[in-house]
Structure formats: structure tokens, C-alpha cells
Amino acid sequence: MKNAEMKTEGDILTIKVDLTKEFGPSSSGKTIIIASTEGNVSIEGHEEIKVGLNVYKKK
């Protein structure tokens, strides 16, 4: 995961992203990537549940 932290407390999932970071342009070049799971990932302790996260801004 790039710049994204996920944690669970019981049945609550919290996602934390630092909005001041950038990881360069998206593959299309239209946006700047701030955070990404780079596809779908399982949630620790709840492997049957998946998260796909993309945080971006326009160039």
C-alpha cells in the first residue's frame, strides 16, 4: 500500500491517508496519485472482505 494505513478495532475499519504526499502521475497521466492499495487487498482478521482504495487529485 502506498501512503495508506488500515486498522481494525473489532468490526470497525479505519483508513488513514496523509493528504500531503504524492506518488506521481496515474497511468493515464490525468491525475496525481496520493494513496493506493494498488488493487484489492484483504483486511487483516477479515480476509474474506476486500478493500480497493485510490486517492488522487487532478493535475
N, C-alpha and C. Protein backbone atom coordinates (compact mmCIF):
# COMPACT_ATOMS: atom_id res chain seq x y z
N MET A 1 0.84 -1.18 0.00
CA MET A 1 0.00 0.00 0.00
C MET A 1 0.88 1.24 0.00
N LYS A 2 0.50 2.18 -0.79
CA LYS A 2 1.19 3.45 -0.84
C LYS A 2 0.44 4.47 0.01
N ASN A 3 1.06 4.94 1.08
CA ASN A 3 0.56 6.06 1.88
C ASN A 3 -0.82 5.82 2.47
N ALA A 4 -1.20 4.57 2.71
CA ALA A 4 -2.49 4.28 3.33
C ALA A 4 -2.27 3.27 4.46
N GLU A 5 -2.85 3.57 5.59
CA GLU A 5 -2.75 2.68 6.74
C GLU A 5 -4.16 2.23 7.11
N MET A 6 -4.36 0.93 7.22
CA MET A 6 -5.67 0.40 7.61
C MET A 6 -5.52 -0.35 8.92
N LYS A 7 -6.50 -0.18 9.79
CA LYS A 7 -6.51 -0.97 11.02
C LYS A 7 -7.96 -1.26 11.41
N THR A 8 -8.13 -2.35 12.12
CA THR A 8 -9.46 -2.70 12.60
C THR A 8 -9.46 -2.72 14.12
N GLU A 9 -10.56 -2.27 14.65
CA GLU A 9 -10.84 -2.37 16.08
C GLU A 9 -12.21 -3.00 16.18
N GLY A 10 -12.23 -4.28 16.51
CA GLY A 10 -13.50 -5.02 16.49
C GLY A 10 -13.98 -5.09 15.06
N ASP A 11 -15.18 -4.61 14.81
CA ASP A 11 -15.76 -4.63 13.48
C ASP A 11 -15.68 -3.29 12.77
N ILE A 12 -14.83 -2.39 13.24
CA ILE A 12 -14.68 -1.06 12.65
C ILE A 12 -13.34 -0.98 11.91
N LEU A 13 -13.39 -0.62 10.63
CA LEU A 13 -12.20 -0.42 9.81
C LEU A 13 -11.90 1.08 9.74
N THR A 14 -10.65 1.45 10.02
CA THR A 14 -10.22 2.83 9.92
C THR A 14 -9.11 2.90 8.87
N ILE A 15 -9.24 3.85 7.95
CA ILE A 15 -8.23 4.06 6.91
C ILE A 15 -7.64 5.44 7.13
N LYS A 16 -6.31 5.51 7.17
CA LYS A 16 -5.60 6.77 7.41
C LYS A 16 -4.71 7.06 6.21
N VAL A 17 -4.85 8.29 5.65
CA VAL A 17 -4.08 8.72 4.48
C VAL A 17 -3.50 10.09 4.74
N ASP A 18 -2.20 10.25 4.45
CA ASP A 18 -1.56 11.57 4.54
C ASP A 18 -1.80 12.29 3.22
N LEU A 19 -2.65 13.31 3.24
CA LEU A 19 -3.04 14.02 2.02
C LEU A 19 -1.96 14.96 1.50
N THR A 20 -0.85 15.10 2.22
CA THR A 20 0.23 15.97 1.76
C THR A 20 1.22 15.24 0.86
N LYS A 21 1.14 13.92 0.77
CA LYS A 21 2.10 13.15 -0.04
C LYS A 21 1.58 12.92 -1.44
N GLU A 22 2.51 12.76 -2.37
CA GLU A 22 2.16 12.44 -3.76
C GLU A 22 3.10 11.35 -4.26
N PHE A 23 2.59 10.47 -5.15
CA PHE A 23 3.39 9.38 -5.69
C PHE A 23 3.49 9.44 -7.21
N GLY A 24 3.27 10.63 -7.76
CA GLY A 24 3.42 10.81 -9.19
C GLY A 24 2.12 10.63 -9.95
N PRO A 25 2.22 10.72 -11.27
CA PRO A 25 1.02 10.67 -12.10
C PRO A 25 0.43 9.26 -12.20
N SER A 26 -0.87 9.21 -12.45
CA SER A 26 -1.53 7.93 -12.72
C SER A 26 -1.08 7.43 -14.08
N SER A 27 -1.46 6.22 -14.43
CA SER A 27 -1.05 5.66 -15.73
C SER A 27 -1.60 6.46 -16.90
N SER A 28 -2.77 7.09 -16.72
CA SER A 28 -3.35 7.90 -17.80
C SER A 28 -2.68 9.28 -17.87
N GLY A 29 -2.05 9.69 -16.76
CA GLY A 29 -1.42 11.00 -16.70
C GLY A 29 -2.37 12.13 -16.38
N LYS A 30 -3.63 11.84 -16.14
CA LYS A 30 -4.62 12.88 -15.87
C LYS A 30 -4.68 13.29 -14.41
N THR A 31 -4.22 12.42 -13.52
CA THR A 31 -4.31 12.69 -12.09
C THR A 31 -2.97 12.40 -11.40
N ILE A 32 -2.84 12.91 -10.17
CA ILE A 32 -1.68 12.64 -9.32
C ILE A 32 -2.13 11.70 -8.20
N ILE A 33 -1.42 10.61 -8.02
CA ILE A 33 -1.77 9.61 -7.00
C ILE A 33 -1.30 10.09 -5.64
N ILE A 34 -2.22 10.07 -4.66
CA ILE A 34 -1.90 10.42 -3.28
C ILE A 34 -1.76 9.16 -2.44
N ALA A 35 -2.63 8.19 -2.66
CA ALA A 35 -2.56 6.91 -1.93
C ALA A 35 -3.27 5.84 -2.74
N SER A 36 -2.83 4.60 -2.56
CA SER A 36 -3.46 3.50 -3.28
C SER A 36 -3.15 2.17 -2.60
N THR A 37 -4.10 1.27 -2.64
CA THR A 37 -3.83 -0.10 -2.21
C THR A 37 -3.25 -0.90 -3.37
N GLU A 38 -3.19 -0.31 -4.54
CA GLU A 38 -2.67 -0.95 -5.75
C GLU A 38 -3.43 -2.24 -6.05
N GLY A 39 -4.74 -2.14 -6.06
CA GLY A 39 -5.61 -3.30 -6.27
C GLY A 39 -6.39 -3.59 -5.01
N ASN A 40 -7.11 -4.70 -5.03
CA ASN A 40 -7.91 -5.08 -3.87
C ASN A 40 -7.06 -5.87 -2.88
N VAL A 41 -7.17 -5.52 -1.60
CA VAL A 41 -6.42 -6.21 -0.56
C VAL A 41 -7.38 -6.68 0.53
N SER A 42 -7.01 -7.78 1.18
CA SER A 42 -7.81 -8.31 2.29
C SER A 42 -7.57 -7.48 3.54
N ILE A 43 -8.56 -7.46 4.40
CA ILE A 43 -8.46 -6.77 5.68
C ILE A 43 -8.00 -7.78 6.72
N GLU A 44 -6.94 -7.44 7.44
CA GLU A 44 -6.39 -8.35 8.44
C GLU A 44 -7.46 -8.75 9.46
N GLY A 45 -7.60 -10.04 9.67
CA GLY A 45 -8.61 -10.55 10.59
C GLY A 45 -9.97 -10.75 9.94
N HIS A 46 -10.15 -10.25 8.72
CA HIS A 46 -11.40 -10.39 7.96
C HIS A 46 -11.03 -10.65 6.50
N GLU A 47 -10.25 -11.70 6.27
CA GLU A 47 -9.68 -11.95 4.95
C GLU A 47 -10.72 -12.10 3.84
N GLU A 48 -11.95 -12.40 4.19
CA GLU A 48 -12.99 -12.55 3.17
C GLU A 48 -13.49 -11.19 2.66
N ILE A 49 -13.10 -10.11 3.34
CA ILE A 49 -13.51 -8.75 2.96
C ILE A 49 -12.33 -8.07 2.28
N LYS A 50 -12.60 -7.43 1.15
CA LYS A 50 -11.55 -6.77 0.36
C LYS A 50 -11.79 -5.26 0.32
N VAL A 51 -10.68 -4.51 0.20
CA VAL A 51 -10.74 -3.05 0.04
C VAL A 51 -9.88 -2.68 -1.16
N GLY A 52 -10.41 -1.81 -2.01
CA GLY A 52 -9.65 -1.22 -3.10
C GLY A 52 -9.71 0.29 -2.94
N LEU A 53 -8.59 0.92 -2.67
CA LEU A 53 -8.56 2.34 -2.36
C LEU A 53 -7.68 3.09 -3.35
N ASN A 54 -8.20 4.16 -3.91
CA ASN A 54 -7.43 5.09 -4.73
C ASN A 54 -7.77 6.50 -4.30
N VAL A 55 -6.77 7.26 -3.90
CA VAL A 55 -6.94 8.66 -3.54
C VAL A 55 -6.09 9.46 -4.51
N TYR A 56 -6.69 10.43 -5.21
CA TYR A 56 -5.96 11.18 -6.23
C TYR A 56 -6.53 12.57 -6.38
N LYS A 57 -5.75 13.40 -7.10
CA LYS A 57 -6.24 14.75 -7.41
C LYS A 57 -5.90 15.05 -8.86
N LYS A 58 -6.64 15.99 -9.44
CA LYS A 58 -6.37 16.39 -10.82
C LYS A 58 -5.05 17.12 -10.90
N LYS A 59 -4.38 16.99 -12.04
CA LYS A 59 -3.10 17.68 -12.25
C LYS A 59 -3.29 19.18 -12.24
